[in-house]
């Protein structure tokens, strides 16, 4: 059985429009996302940070739309219409 080693992560910063359609705490979400990115970097993973897209309030969850392993990409299709453009 082979062991998977994660080497890279792609994340998108939290846009200021995050939570406009639902009740949320933008400062808290931003802080939690920064902690998440720091934790990834602390494990030695190369983190690529994309700028936030104010037109896509949930773009901070971009890391769950694709997984790449051994050169094969699995691209997911988010169920929420607001996430399709991610």
N, C-alpha and C. Protein backbone atom coordinates (compact mmCIF):
# COMPACT_ATOMS: atom_id res chain seq x y z
N UNK A 1 0.84 -1.17 0.00
CA UNK A 1 0.00 0.00 0.00
C UNK A 1 0.89 1.24 0.00
N UNK A 2 0.66 2.15 -0.93
CA UNK A 2 1.48 3.34 -1.02
C UNK A 2 0.97 4.43 -0.08
N UNK A 3 1.89 5.28 0.32
CA UNK A 3 1.54 6.40 1.18
C UNK A 3 1.43 7.65 0.33
N UNK A 4 0.36 8.38 0.50
CA UNK A 4 0.19 9.63 -0.24
C UNK A 4 0.96 10.73 0.46
N UNK A 5 1.62 11.56 -0.32
CA UNK A 5 2.31 12.72 0.22
C UNK A 5 1.76 13.96 -0.47
N UNK A 6 1.20 14.83 0.31
CA UNK A 6 0.66 16.07 -0.24
C UNK A 6 1.81 17.06 -0.40
N UNK A 7 1.89 17.71 -1.55
CA UNK A 7 2.98 18.63 -1.81
C UNK A 7 2.53 20.05 -2.08
N UNK A 8 1.32 20.22 -2.60
CA UNK A 8 0.83 21.54 -2.97
C UNK A 8 -0.64 21.71 -2.56
N UNK A 9 -1.00 22.95 -2.33
CA UNK A 9 -2.40 23.27 -2.06
C UNK A 9 -2.71 24.60 -2.73
N UNK A 10 -3.88 24.71 -3.29
CA UNK A 10 -4.34 25.96 -3.89
C UNK A 10 -5.48 26.46 -3.02
N UNK A 11 -5.35 27.68 -2.54
CA UNK A 11 -6.40 28.29 -1.72
C UNK A 11 -6.74 29.65 -2.29
N UNK A 12 -7.89 30.14 -1.93
CA UNK A 12 -8.33 31.46 -2.36
C UNK A 12 -8.67 32.25 -1.10
N UNK A 13 -8.17 33.45 -1.02
CA UNK A 13 -8.46 34.29 0.15
C UNK A 13 -9.96 34.57 0.25
N UNK A 14 -10.40 34.88 1.44
CA UNK A 14 -11.82 35.15 1.70
C UNK A 14 -12.18 36.55 1.18
N UNK A 15 -13.18 36.65 0.29
CA UNK A 15 -13.57 37.97 -0.21
C UNK A 15 -14.43 38.72 0.81
N UNK A 16 -14.46 40.02 0.70
CA UNK A 16 -15.28 40.84 1.61
C UNK A 16 -16.76 40.55 1.44
N UNK A 17 -17.14 39.99 0.29
CA UNK A 17 -18.55 39.66 0.05
C UNK A 17 -18.96 38.34 0.70
N UNK A 18 -18.01 37.66 1.34
CA UNK A 18 -18.31 36.37 2.00
C UNK A 18 -19.46 36.56 2.99
N UNK A 19 -20.45 35.72 2.86
CA UNK A 19 -21.55 35.74 3.79
C UNK A 19 -22.61 36.80 3.55
N UNK A 20 -22.53 37.52 2.44
CA UNK A 20 -23.55 38.53 2.16
C UNK A 20 -24.94 37.91 2.04
N UNK A 21 -25.01 36.67 1.56
CA UNK A 21 -26.31 36.04 1.37
C UNK A 21 -26.78 35.25 2.60
N UNK A 22 -25.89 35.08 3.57
CA UNK A 22 -26.25 34.39 4.82
C UNK A 22 -25.59 35.15 5.97
N UNK A 23 -26.06 34.86 7.16
CA UNK A 23 -25.46 35.51 8.32
C UNK A 23 -24.10 34.88 8.58
N UNK A 24 -23.04 35.69 8.60
CA UNK A 24 -21.71 35.17 8.86
C UNK A 24 -20.86 36.24 9.52
N UNK A 25 -19.72 35.81 9.98
CA UNK A 25 -18.78 36.69 10.67
C UNK A 25 -17.53 36.77 9.81
N UNK A 26 -17.45 37.81 8.94
CA UNK A 26 -16.32 37.93 8.01
C UNK A 26 -14.96 37.95 8.72
N UNK A 27 -14.78 38.77 9.77
CA UNK A 27 -13.46 38.78 10.42
C UNK A 27 -13.07 37.40 10.96
N UNK A 28 -14.03 36.69 11.51
CA UNK A 28 -13.74 35.35 12.04
C UNK A 28 -13.40 34.38 10.91
N UNK A 29 -14.17 34.43 9.82
CA UNK A 29 -13.89 33.56 8.67
C UNK A 29 -12.51 33.84 8.10
N UNK A 30 -12.15 35.10 8.00
CA UNK A 30 -10.83 35.48 7.48
C UNK A 30 -9.72 34.96 8.39
N UNK A 31 -9.89 35.12 9.69
CA UNK A 31 -8.91 34.64 10.66
C UNK A 31 -8.76 33.11 10.57
N UNK A 32 -9.88 32.42 10.54
CA UNK A 32 -9.84 30.95 10.45
C UNK A 32 -9.15 30.49 9.17
N UNK A 33 -9.41 31.19 8.08
CA UNK A 33 -8.78 30.83 6.81
C UNK A 33 -7.27 31.06 6.88
N UNK A 34 -6.85 32.16 7.49
CA UNK A 34 -5.42 32.43 7.67
C UNK A 34 -4.76 31.35 8.52
N UNK A 35 -5.44 30.88 9.55
CA UNK A 35 -4.92 29.78 10.39
C UNK A 35 -4.80 28.49 9.58
N UNK A 36 -5.78 28.23 8.73
CA UNK A 36 -5.77 27.06 7.85
C UNK A 36 -4.56 27.09 6.92
N UNK A 37 -4.32 28.24 6.30
CA UNK A 37 -3.18 28.39 5.38
C UNK A 37 -1.87 28.23 6.14
N UNK A 38 -1.79 28.81 7.32
CA UNK A 38 -0.58 28.69 8.14
C UNK A 38 -0.33 27.22 8.51
N UNK A 39 -1.38 26.50 8.86
CA UNK A 39 -1.23 25.08 9.21
C UNK A 39 -0.73 24.27 8.02
N UNK A 40 -1.24 24.57 6.84
CA UNK A 40 -0.74 23.88 5.63
C UNK A 40 0.74 24.15 5.43
N UNK A 41 1.12 25.41 5.53
CA UNK A 41 2.54 25.79 5.35
C UNK A 41 3.43 25.16 6.41
N UNK A 42 2.93 25.07 7.63
CA UNK A 42 3.71 24.48 8.72
C UNK A 42 4.02 23.01 8.49
N UNK A 43 3.23 22.34 7.66
CA UNK A 43 3.49 20.93 7.34
C UNK A 43 4.44 20.78 6.17
N UNK A 44 4.86 21.91 5.57
CA UNK A 44 5.80 21.86 4.46
C UNK A 44 5.15 21.88 3.09
N UNK A 45 3.85 22.04 3.06
CA UNK A 45 3.14 22.08 1.78
C UNK A 45 3.36 23.43 1.11
N UNK A 46 3.57 23.40 -0.21
CA UNK A 46 3.69 24.64 -1.00
C UNK A 46 2.28 25.16 -1.26
N UNK A 47 1.95 26.30 -0.67
CA UNK A 47 0.60 26.85 -0.77
C UNK A 47 0.57 27.97 -1.81
N UNK A 48 -0.33 27.84 -2.77
CA UNK A 48 -0.55 28.87 -3.78
C UNK A 48 -1.82 29.61 -3.36
N UNK A 49 -1.69 30.90 -3.09
CA UNK A 49 -2.85 31.70 -2.67
C UNK A 49 -3.37 32.54 -3.83
N UNK A 50 -4.62 32.34 -4.16
CA UNK A 50 -5.28 33.14 -5.19
C UNK A 50 -5.92 34.36 -4.55
N UNK A 51 -6.01 35.45 -5.28
CA UNK A 51 -6.68 36.62 -4.71
C UNK A 51 -8.18 36.35 -4.61
N UNK A 52 -8.85 37.03 -3.69
CA UNK A 52 -10.30 36.82 -3.57
C UNK A 52 -11.04 37.38 -4.78
N UNK A 53 -12.14 36.75 -5.12
CA UNK A 53 -13.00 37.23 -6.21
C UNK A 53 -14.30 37.68 -5.56
N UNK A 54 -14.50 39.00 -5.51
CA UNK A 54 -15.67 39.55 -4.84
C UNK A 54 -16.98 39.11 -5.49
N UNK A 55 -16.94 38.67 -6.74
CA UNK A 55 -18.15 38.19 -7.42
C UNK A 55 -18.51 36.76 -6.98
N UNK A 56 -17.59 36.09 -6.31
CA UNK A 56 -17.83 34.71 -5.86
C UNK A 56 -17.64 34.66 -4.34
N UNK A 57 -18.69 34.94 -3.57
CA UNK A 57 -18.56 35.02 -2.11
C UNK A 57 -18.01 33.77 -1.44
N UNK A 58 -18.20 32.61 -2.04
CA UNK A 58 -17.72 31.38 -1.42
C UNK A 58 -16.41 30.87 -2.04
N UNK A 59 -15.72 31.73 -2.77
CA UNK A 59 -14.49 31.31 -3.44
C UNK A 59 -13.42 30.86 -2.45
N UNK A 60 -13.55 31.20 -1.19
CA UNK A 60 -12.60 30.73 -0.19
C UNK A 60 -12.57 29.22 -0.04
N UNK A 61 -13.55 28.54 -0.61
CA UNK A 61 -13.61 27.09 -0.54
C UNK A 61 -13.12 26.43 -1.82
N UNK A 62 -12.34 27.15 -2.62
CA UNK A 62 -11.86 26.65 -3.91
C UNK A 62 -11.08 25.34 -3.78
N UNK A 63 -10.46 25.10 -2.62
CA UNK A 63 -9.63 23.91 -2.48
C UNK A 63 -10.42 22.60 -2.53
N UNK A 64 -11.73 22.66 -2.44
CA UNK A 64 -12.49 21.41 -2.52
C UNK A 64 -13.07 21.15 -3.91
N UNK A 65 -12.60 21.88 -4.93
CA UNK A 65 -13.13 21.67 -6.28
C UNK A 65 -12.25 20.81 -7.16
N UNK A 66 -11.04 20.48 -6.72
CA UNK A 66 -10.16 19.64 -7.53
C UNK A 66 -9.16 18.90 -6.64
N UNK A 67 -8.86 17.67 -7.03
CA UNK A 67 -7.83 16.88 -6.38
C UNK A 67 -6.97 16.31 -7.49
N UNK A 68 -5.65 16.45 -7.37
CA UNK A 68 -4.75 15.93 -8.39
C UNK A 68 -3.80 14.95 -7.74
N UNK A 69 -3.70 13.76 -8.31
CA UNK A 69 -2.83 12.73 -7.77
C UNK A 69 -2.14 12.01 -8.92
N UNK A 70 -0.83 11.96 -8.90
CA UNK A 70 -0.05 11.29 -9.95
C UNK A 70 -0.41 11.78 -11.35
N UNK A 71 -0.64 13.08 -11.47
CA UNK A 71 -0.93 13.66 -12.77
C UNK A 71 -2.36 13.49 -13.26
N UNK A 72 -3.21 12.91 -12.43
CA UNK A 72 -4.62 12.72 -12.80
C UNK A 72 -5.46 13.68 -11.96
N UNK A 73 -6.29 14.49 -12.63
CA UNK A 73 -7.11 15.47 -11.93
C UNK A 73 -8.56 15.00 -11.81
N UNK A 74 -9.08 15.13 -10.62
CA UNK A 74 -10.50 14.87 -10.37
C UNK A 74 -11.12 16.23 -10.11
N UNK A 75 -11.94 16.69 -11.04
CA UNK A 75 -12.59 17.99 -10.92
C UNK A 75 -14.01 17.76 -10.45
N UNK A 76 -14.35 18.37 -9.34
CA UNK A 76 -15.69 18.18 -8.80
C UNK A 76 -16.65 19.21 -9.38
N UNK A 77 -17.90 18.99 -9.17
CA UNK A 77 -18.93 19.92 -9.64
C UNK A 77 -19.74 20.35 -8.42
N UNK A 78 -19.44 21.54 -7.89
CA UNK A 78 -20.18 22.00 -6.72
C UNK A 78 -21.69 22.00 -6.98
N UNK A 79 -22.44 21.58 -5.98
CA UNK A 79 -23.89 21.50 -6.13
C UNK A 79 -24.60 22.83 -6.07
N UNK A 80 -24.01 23.80 -5.36
CA UNK A 80 -24.67 25.10 -5.25
C UNK A 80 -24.43 25.92 -6.51
N UNK A 81 -25.48 26.46 -7.11
CA UNK A 81 -25.31 27.28 -8.32
C UNK A 81 -24.32 28.44 -8.15
N UNK A 82 -24.24 28.99 -6.94
CA UNK A 82 -23.34 30.12 -6.72
C UNK A 82 -21.86 29.71 -6.78
N UNK A 83 -21.59 28.40 -6.75
CA UNK A 83 -20.20 27.93 -6.77
C UNK A 83 -19.74 27.39 -8.12
N UNK A 84 -20.62 27.32 -9.10
CA UNK A 84 -20.28 26.75 -10.41
C UNK A 84 -19.09 27.45 -11.06
N UNK A 85 -18.99 28.77 -10.97
CA UNK A 85 -17.92 29.52 -11.63
C UNK A 85 -16.54 29.30 -10.98
N UNK A 86 -16.52 28.75 -9.77
CA UNK A 86 -15.24 28.50 -9.11
C UNK A 86 -14.43 27.53 -9.93
